[in-house]
């Protein structure tokens, strides 16, 4: 249909289709264009979770003996192991090849109980966590009347059936909401979907700090699950794991696997958003940058010998790190030239900024000749690690 001059105000938008010489006209559904514009289901990077397919493991593929005092980041990037209280149980966290069939996943996160405790203390809790920057969450409109609901979906498997607690924690405003998912069949991959209402109270800070967490509980003492957390409210340790019935720490036969974790705006889940491996790795490298291990004499960087006891060099990073990183090294390292010099200590300088793109590395050596060019590499040690961390 066409109009001469301006289109009448009450005209209905129509489309024409020519088939075998016959013109047919169909009306577009009311609000169809508006709905398409505001849908998150096909938006790129709709998954708030980073490394939800568990494919990136820069720190290694396994960490053993995790217990009270082991809270932190271990094998799989962006996934933090937490034990609160005085637990004595121990777990091995690993990247595993056991995945749901036909879903496109190659890796999962596995938790294996290696030292049992039954029950754990009343104020104790064990869970997996991922944290998020507030500046990445502004579109959720938290703290307003238009606050978005959030839906988490994932694949999970365990020998233990029953209820597991899952929660969202607002770190900026100390608020929490929780729910449960149920493993129905032992040793069977099951897909779970849990939706949380939007929170009209408390906006997220618009910065690179920790604003939101998602918690997947493996066990919780009586005091950690004594208060209802199914609507948004002030945070309390008693609301942390409401509804949790499973104790994954009660036997060394217990295992728990998870993969395909997606957290997105809205009240329904979409298909898991698979990213190219280079994109997924770069998103992880904002929080952790690790030079590859597994090769002897692997070179990390070039620089020069500033004095008989000091090597200096600049390491350019593949992406901007979130904030000032810390440096952790293990194994044997050397400043290499002819001759080479063993490194006794590392330090960072010129690194106290956000969105960092390079760092200056200093290495303590002895007996060197100032002014010579040189580099840093592991000293015949394929297990040596060189890790920069700016985790939340």
Protein backbone atom coordinates (compact mmCIF):
# COMPACT_ATOMS: atom_id res chain seq x y z
CA UNK A 1 0.00 0.00 0.00
CA UNK A 2 1.32 3.47 -0.81
CA UNK A 3 0.32 7.01 0.16
CA UNK A 4 0.63 10.31 -1.67
CA UNK A 5 1.91 12.90 0.75
CA UNK A 6 2.04 12.01 4.44
CA UNK A 7 0.77 8.67 5.76
CA UNK A 8 -2.60 8.88 7.57
CA UNK A 9 -2.25 8.73 11.36
CA UNK A 10 -4.54 5.73 11.62
CA UNK A 11 -2.93 3.76 8.80
CA UNK A 12 -1.99 0.14 9.59
CA UNK A 13 1.58 -0.89 8.76
CA UNK A 14 1.44 -3.59 6.11
CA UNK A 15 3.94 -5.63 4.08
CA UNK A 16 3.54 -6.88 0.53
CA UNK A 17 4.65 -10.31 -0.66
CA UNK A 18 4.76 -11.27 -4.34
CA UNK A 19 4.33 -15.00 -4.97
CA UNK A 20 3.79 -16.37 -8.50
CA UNK A 21 2.75 -12.92 -9.65
CA UNK A 22 0.11 -12.54 -6.92
CA UNK A 23 0.51 -9.70 -4.43
CA UNK A 24 -0.60 -10.55 -0.89
CA UNK A 25 -0.65 -8.15 2.04
CA UNK A 26 -0.15 -9.07 5.72
CA UNK A 27 -0.27 -6.97 8.84
CA UNK A 28 2.66 -6.91 11.27
CA UNK A 29 1.74 -7.82 14.84
CA UNK A 30 1.20 -4.95 17.22
CA UNK A 31 4.41 -3.91 19.02
CA UNK A 32 6.46 -6.46 17.07
CA UNK A 33 9.21 -3.96 16.25
CA UNK A 34 9.38 -2.66 19.83
CA UNK A 35 9.57 -6.20 21.22
CA UNK A 36 12.44 -7.09 18.91
CA UNK A 37 14.40 -4.01 19.94
CA UNK A 38 14.12 -4.68 23.65
CA UNK A 39 14.72 -8.45 23.65
CA UNK A 40 17.94 -9.65 25.28
CA UNK A 41 17.65 -13.23 23.99
CA UNK A 42 19.72 -12.63 20.83
CA UNK A 43 21.97 -9.86 22.16
CA UNK A 44 25.73 -10.53 22.01
CA UNK A 45 27.38 -11.14 25.39
CA UNK A 46 23.98 -11.60 27.00
CA UNK A 47 25.57 -14.12 29.37
CA UNK A 48 26.79 -12.25 32.45
CA UNK A 49 28.79 -15.34 33.44
CA UNK A 50 32.34 -15.48 32.06
CA UNK A 51 33.71 -18.92 31.18
CA UNK A 52 30.40 -20.63 31.80
CA UNK A 53 31.48 -23.55 29.61
CA UNK A 54 34.51 -24.12 31.89
CA UNK A 55 36.86 -24.19 28.88
CA UNK A 56 39.52 -21.77 30.20
CA UNK A 57 41.83 -22.94 33.00
CA UNK A 58 44.91 -20.69 33.03
CA UNK A 59 46.07 -21.65 36.53
CA UNK A 60 46.06 -25.38 35.77
CA UNK A 61 43.49 -28.15 35.50
CA UNK A 62 43.31 -29.39 39.09
CA UNK A 63 43.68 -28.18 42.69
CA UNK A 64 43.71 -30.65 45.59
CA UNK A 65 43.19 -30.38 49.33
CA UNK A 66 40.77 -27.43 49.21
CA UNK A 67 39.41 -26.84 52.70
CA UNK A 68 38.87 -24.10 55.26
CA UNK A 69 41.39 -21.40 54.37
CA UNK A 70 41.47 -22.40 50.68
CA UNK A 71 38.88 -19.89 49.53
CA UNK A 72 39.99 -18.33 46.27
CA UNK A 73 40.54 -18.89 42.56
CA UNK A 74 42.00 -22.23 41.59
CA UNK A 75 41.93 -24.17 38.28
CA UNK A 76 39.00 -22.84 36.26
CA UNK A 77 38.99 -19.15 35.40
CA UNK A 78 36.43 -16.85 37.09
CA UNK A 79 35.14 -19.60 39.43
CA UNK A 80 35.95 -19.03 43.09
CA UNK A 81 35.86 -21.77 45.72
CA UNK A 82 34.58 -20.64 49.14
CA UNK A 83 34.53 -22.32 52.55
CA UNK A 84 33.12 -20.28 55.41
CA UNK A 85 33.53 -21.33 59.02
CA UNK A 86 35.74 -24.07 60.44
CA UNK A 87 35.16 -26.98 58.07
CA UNK A 88 37.53 -29.94 57.99
CA UNK A 89 36.22 -31.50 54.78
CA UNK A 90 38.45 -31.35 51.72
CA UNK A 91 37.74 -31.20 47.99
CA UNK A 92 39.56 -31.48 44.71
CA UNK A 93 38.43 -28.97 42.09
CA UNK A 94 39.23 -29.85 38.50
CA UNK A 95 38.45 -29.25 34.86
CA UNK A 96 36.81 -32.44 33.59
CA UNK A 97 35.84 -34.00 30.25
CA UNK A 98 32.52 -35.36 31.54
CA UNK A 99 29.81 -33.26 29.84
CA UNK A 100 26.16 -33.60 28.80
CA UNK A 101 25.84 -35.44 25.50
CA UNK A 102 25.03 -33.51 22.36
CA UNK A 103 25.00 -30.02 23.91
CA UNK A 104 28.26 -28.70 22.47
CA UNK A 105 30.24 -28.59 25.72
CA UNK A 106 33.76 -30.01 25.99
CA UNK A 107 34.60 -29.28 29.65
CA UNK A 108 32.93 -29.18 33.05
CA UNK A 109 33.89 -28.08 36.56
CA UNK A 110 34.14 -31.03 38.93
CA UNK A 111 34.13 -30.98 42.73
CA UNK A 112 35.26 -34.24 44.34
CA UNK A 113 35.04 -34.74 48.12
CA UNK A 114 38.33 -36.27 49.31
CA UNK A 115 37.93 -35.84 53.09
CA UNK A 116 34.43 -36.21 54.50
CA UNK A 117 32.73 -34.26 57.30
CA UNK A 118 29.18 -35.05 58.44
CA UNK A 119 27.69 -32.77 59.41
CA UNK A 120 29.66 -29.59 58.88
CA UNK A 121 29.44 -26.94 61.58
CA UNK A 122 26.20 -25.00 61.98
CA UNK A 123 27.84 -21.76 60.80
CA UNK A 124 29.80 -23.34 57.96
CA UNK A 125 29.15 -23.18 54.22
CA UNK A 126 30.81 -24.50 51.05
CA UNK A 127 29.99 -23.02 47.67
CA UNK A 128 31.20 -22.00 44.22
CA UNK A 129 30.99 -18.32 43.31
CA UNK A 130 31.38 -15.96 40.38
CA UNK A 131 31.66 -12.19 40.95
CA UNK A 132 30.73 -9.38 38.54
CA UNK A 133 31.76 -5.75 38.01
CA UNK A 134 29.04 -3.17 38.59
CA UNK A 135 29.79 -1.30 35.37
CA UNK A 136 28.80 -4.41 33.41
CA UNK A 137 25.39 -4.59 35.12
CA UNK A 138 23.91 -1.12 34.65
CA UNK A 139 21.44 -2.32 31.99
CA UNK A 140 19.73 -4.43 34.67
CA UNK A 141 18.34 -1.18 36.13
CA UNK A 142 18.61 -2.51 39.67
CA UNK A 143 17.23 -0.15 42.29
CA UNK A 144 14.56 1.25 39.97
CA UNK A 145 10.94 0.36 39.27
CA UNK A 146 12.12 -1.11 35.95
CA UNK A 147 14.58 -3.57 37.50
CA UNK A 148 15.16 -6.63 35.31
CA UNK A 149 14.59 -10.17 36.48
CA UNK A 150 17.56 -12.52 36.14
CA UNK A 151 17.48 -16.13 34.97
CA UNK A 152 20.29 -18.61 35.51
CA UNK A 153 20.46 -21.85 33.54
CA UNK A 154 23.04 -24.63 33.72
CA UNK A 155 23.74 -28.34 33.37
CA UNK A 156 24.53 -30.23 36.57
CA UNK A 157 25.31 -33.81 37.63
CA UNK A 158 25.94 -35.49 40.99
CA UNK A 159 25.66 -38.82 42.75
CA UNK A 160 23.68 -36.93 45.42
CA UNK A 161 20.02 -36.19 44.75
CA UNK A 162 18.04 -33.51 46.55
CA UNK A 163 17.90 -29.75 46.92
CA UNK A 164 20.85 -27.42 46.37
CA UNK A 165 20.77 -23.73 47.31
CA UNK A 166 21.54 -21.05 44.76
CA UNK A 167 21.62 -17.32 45.51
CA UNK A 168 22.37 -13.86 44.15
CA UNK A 169 24.24 -11.52 46.47
CA UNK A 170 24.31 -7.73 45.98
CA UNK A 171 27.65 -6.70 47.46
CA UNK A 172 27.07 -2.94 47.01
CA UNK A 173 23.91 -2.87 49.11
CA UNK A 174 24.27 -6.06 51.19
CA UNK A 175 21.11 -7.66 49.76
CA UNK A 176 20.34 -11.27 48.87
CA UNK A 177 17.82 -13.46 47.11
CA UNK A 178 17.88 -17.24 46.81
CA UNK A 179 16.13 -20.31 45.54
CA UNK A 180 16.80 -24.02 45.06
CA UNK A 181 17.31 -26.44 42.22
CA UNK A 182 16.73 -30.17 42.61
CA UNK A 183 18.88 -32.99 41.29
CA UNK A 184 16.35 -35.72 40.60
CA UNK A 185 18.45 -38.56 39.16
CA UNK A 186 21.84 -39.63 40.46
CA UNK A 187 24.81 -39.54 38.06
CA UNK A 188 22.73 -38.00 35.28
CA UNK A 189 23.25 -34.69 33.53
CA UNK A 190 20.18 -32.48 34.07
CA UNK A 191 19.47 -28.95 32.86
CA UNK A 192 18.19 -26.52 35.49
CA UNK A 193 16.67 -23.05 35.18
CA UNK A 194 16.06 -20.67 38.09
CA UNK A 195 14.57 -17.16 37.82
CA UNK A 196 15.08 -14.34 40.32
CA UNK A 197 12.84 -11.28 40.48
CA UNK A 198 14.32 -7.86 39.77
CA UNK A 199 15.29 -5.80 42.81
CA UNK A 200 13.82 -2.30 42.98
CA UNK A 201 16.02 -1.40 45.96
CA UNK A 202 19.71 -0.51 45.78
CA UNK A 203 21.48 0.34 42.53
CA UNK A 204 24.77 -1.25 41.52
CA UNK A 205 27.82 1.02 41.63
CA UNK A 206 28.96 2.01 38.14
CA UNK A 207 32.60 1.01 38.54
CA UNK A 208 35.00 -1.92 38.26
CA UNK A 209 34.34 -3.16 41.79
CA UNK A 210 32.48 -6.24 43.01
CA UNK A 211 28.74 -5.58 42.77
CA UNK A 212 27.04 -8.96 42.30
CA UNK A 213 27.78 -12.62 42.99
CA UNK A 214 26.05 -15.86 42.11
CA UNK A 215 26.51 -18.68 44.65
CA UNK A 216 26.13 -22.43 44.01
CA UNK A 217 26.07 -24.18 47.38
CA UNK A 218 27.53 -27.62 47.96
CA UNK A 219 26.78 -27.74 51.68
CA UNK A 220 25.55 -25.43 54.42
CA UNK A 221 25.27 -25.70 58.18
CA UNK A 222 21.97 -25.21 59.99
CA UNK A 223 22.58 -21.52 60.76
CA UNK A 224 23.36 -20.75 57.10
CA UNK A 225 19.93 -21.88 55.90
CA UNK A 226 17.57 -20.99 58.73
CA UNK A 227 15.93 -17.89 57.18
CA UNK A 228 13.84 -17.56 54.02
CA UNK A 229 15.74 -15.83 51.20
CA UNK A 230 13.26 -16.27 48.34
CA UNK A 231 12.58 -12.54 47.99
CA UNK A 232 15.13 -9.73 47.89
CA UNK A 233 16.03 -8.47 51.34
CA UNK A 234 18.83 -7.43 53.65
CA UNK A 235 21.68 -9.93 53.58
CA UNK A 236 22.26 -12.24 56.50
CA UNK A 237 24.39 -15.36 56.89
CA UNK A 238 21.19 -17.15 57.91
CA UNK A 239 19.76 -16.55 54.41
CA UNK A 240 22.75 -17.81 52.49
CA UNK A 241 21.55 -21.29 51.49
CA UNK A 242 17.87 -21.53 52.40
CA UNK A 243 16.41 -24.83 51.17
CA UNK A 244 19.72 -26.72 50.92
CA UNK A 245 19.24 -30.36 51.92
CA UNK A 246 22.27 -32.01 50.32
CA UNK A 247 25.59 -32.36 52.12
CA UNK A 248 28.20 -32.95 49.44
CA UNK A 249 30.85 -33.22 52.14
CA UNK A 250 29.40 -36.28 53.91
CA UNK A 251 31.25 -38.95 51.89
CA UNK A 252 34.41 -39.29 49.81
CA UNK A 253 32.21 -40.90 47.15
CA UNK A 254 30.51 -37.56 46.45
CA UNK A 255 31.02 -35.65 43.21
CA UNK A 256 29.35 -32.60 41.63
CA UNK A 257 29.75 -31.41 38.05
CA UNK A 258 28.51 -28.22 36.39
CA UNK A 259 28.81 -26.65 32.94
CA UNK A 260 26.90 -24.40 30.55
CA UNK A 261 26.21 -21.77 33.19
CA UNK A 262 24.34 -18.74 31.84
CA UNK A 263 22.97 -15.74 33.76
CA UNK A 264 20.87 -13.33 31.71
CA UNK A 265 18.27 -10.63 31.96
CA UNK A 266 14.67 -11.75 31.69
CA UNK A 267 12.32 -14.40 33.01
CA UNK A 268 13.32 -17.19 30.62
CA UNK A 269 16.54 -18.81 29.51
CA UNK A 270 17.99 -18.79 26.01
CA UNK A 271 20.39 -21.26 24.44
CA UNK A 272 23.89 -21.15 25.90
CA UNK A 273 26.00 -18.43 24.29
CA UNK A 274 29.12 -20.13 22.95
CA UNK A 275 32.01 -17.73 22.31
CA UNK A 276 35.15 -18.27 20.21
CA UNK A 277 37.98 -19.52 22.39
CA UNK A 278 40.07 -16.37 21.81
CA UNK A 279 37.18 -14.14 22.92
CA UNK A 280 36.50 -16.30 25.98
CA UNK A 281 40.19 -16.32 26.92
CA UNK A 282 40.50 -12.55 26.57
CA UNK A 283 37.49 -11.98 28.83
CA UNK A 284 39.18 -14.16 31.46
CA UNK A 285 42.51 -12.37 31.02
CA UNK A 286 40.99 -9.15 32.33
CA UNK A 287 41.09 -10.88 35.74
CA UNK A 288 43.93 -13.37 35.35
CA UNK A 289 46.82 -13.46 32.91
CA UNK A 290 49.01 -16.54 32.98
CA UNK A 291 51.96 -17.34 30.78
CA UNK A 292 51.56 -20.88 29.39
CA UNK A 293 53.22 -23.68 31.31
CA UNK A 294 54.15 -27.13 30.07
CA UNK A 295 57.28 -26.10 28.17
CA UNK A 296 60.82 -25.85 29.49
CA UNK A 297 62.71 -22.58 28.94
CA UNK A 298 59.54 -20.76 27.94
CA UNK A 299 60.34 -17.04 27.50
CA UNK A 300 58.00 -14.53 29.17
CA UNK A 301 59.49 -11.15 28.26
CA UNK A 302 62.53 -9.16 27.15
CA UNK A 303 64.27 -6.32 28.96
CA UNK A 304 67.69 -5.26 30.19
CA UNK A 305 70.01 -5.66 33.16
CA UNK A 306 69.85 -2.37 35.06
CA UNK A 307 72.50 -3.26 37.62
CA UNK A 308 74.43 -6.27 38.83
CA UNK A 309 71.40 -7.27 40.93
CA UNK A 310 68.39 -6.04 38.92
CA UNK A 311 66.66 -6.99 35.67
CA UNK A 312 63.88 -4.69 34.35
CA UNK A 313 61.39 -5.25 31.54
CA UNK A 314 57.90 -4.33 30.35
CA UNK A 315 55.27 -6.99 29.80
CA UNK A 316 52.54 -5.98 27.34
CA UNK A 317 49.19 -7.55 28.18
CA UNK A 318 46.70 -9.04 25.69
CA UNK A 319 43.81 -7.05 27.20
CA UNK A 320 43.33 -4.40 29.86
CA UNK A 321 43.33 -5.86 33.36
CA UNK A 322 40.57 -4.78 35.70
CA UNK A 323 42.82 -3.12 38.29
CA UNK A 324 46.27 -3.26 39.88
CA UNK A 325 47.36 -6.89 39.57
CA UNK A 326 49.42 -9.00 41.91
CA UNK A 327 52.16 -11.27 40.61
CA UNK A 328 52.50 -14.91 41.66
CA UNK A 329 55.30 -17.14 40.45
CA UNK A 330 56.10 -20.75 41.24
CA UNK A 331 58.98 -22.91 40.14
CA UNK A 332 62.39 -21.89 38.84
CA UNK A 333 63.05 -18.80 36.73
CA UNK A 334 66.11 -17.14 35.22
CA UNK A 335 67.26 -14.03 33.40
CA UNK A 336 68.70 -15.47 30.23
CA UNK A 337 71.62 -14.35 28.10
CA UNK A 338 75.15 -15.68 28.13
CA UNK A 339 75.61 -16.38 30.98
CA UNK A 340 72.14 -16.71 32.60
CA UNK A 341 71.24 -15.66 36.16
CA UNK A 342 68.86 -17.31 38.61
CA UNK A 343 66.01 -15.10 39.86
CA UNK A 344 65.55 -14.91 43.63
CA UNK A 345 62.55 -12.52 43.69
CA UNK A 346 60.04 -10.71 41.47
CA UNK A 347 58.24 -7.39 41.90
CA UNK A 348 55.92 -5.11 39.92
CA UNK A 349 56.14 -1.35 39.43
CA UNK A 350 54.15 1.32 37.52
CA UNK A 351 51.07 -0.85 37.85
CA UNK A 352 48.77 1.03 40.24
CA UNK A 353 46.07 1.91 37.71
CA UNK A 354 42.76 0.49 36.49
CA UNK A 355 42.40 -0.95 32.99
CA UNK A 356 46.10 -1.73 32.92
CA UNK A 357 47.64 -2.67 29.55
CA UNK A 358 51.25 -3.30 30.56
CA UNK A 359 53.34 -3.86 33.69
CA UNK A 360 56.98 -3.34 34.53
CA UNK A 361 58.57 -6.49 35.90
CA UNK A 362 61.65 -6.38 38.11
CA UNK A 363 63.69 -9.47 38.97
CA UNK A 364 66.40 -9.74 41.61
CA UNK A 365 69.56 -11.48 40.40
CA UNK A 366 73.26 -11.36 41.30
CA UNK A 367 76.62 -11.07 39.55
CA UNK A 368 75.24 -9.59 36.32
CA UNK A 369 76.75 -6.94 34.05
CA UNK A 370 74.71 -3.75 33.84
CA UNK A 371 73.54 -2.50 30.47
CA UNK A 372 73.12 -5.84 28.73
CA UNK A 373 69.89 -6.88 27.09
CA UNK A 374 68.27 -10.04 28.47
CA UNK A 375 64.95 -11.82 28.99
CA UNK A 376 63.00 -13.86 31.54
CA UNK A 377 62.19 -17.54 31.06
CA UNK A 378 61.57 -20.57 33.21
CA UNK A 379 64.74 -22.42 34.14
CA UNK A 380 64.19 -25.89 32.68
CA UNK A 381 60.91 -26.10 34.67
CA UNK A 382 57.78 -26.93 32.68
CA UNK A 383 55.64 -26.63 35.84
CA UNK A 384 56.72 -23.05 36.60
CA UNK A 385 53.86 -20.52 36.69
CA UNK A 386 53.83 -16.78 36.05
CA UNK A 387 50.42 -15.34 36.94
CA UNK A 388 49.07 -11.77 37.13
CA UNK A 389 45.78 -11.50 39.00
CA UNK A 390 43.28 -8.66 39.33
CA UNK A 391 40.32 -10.75 40.46
CA UNK A 392 37.28 -9.29 42.18
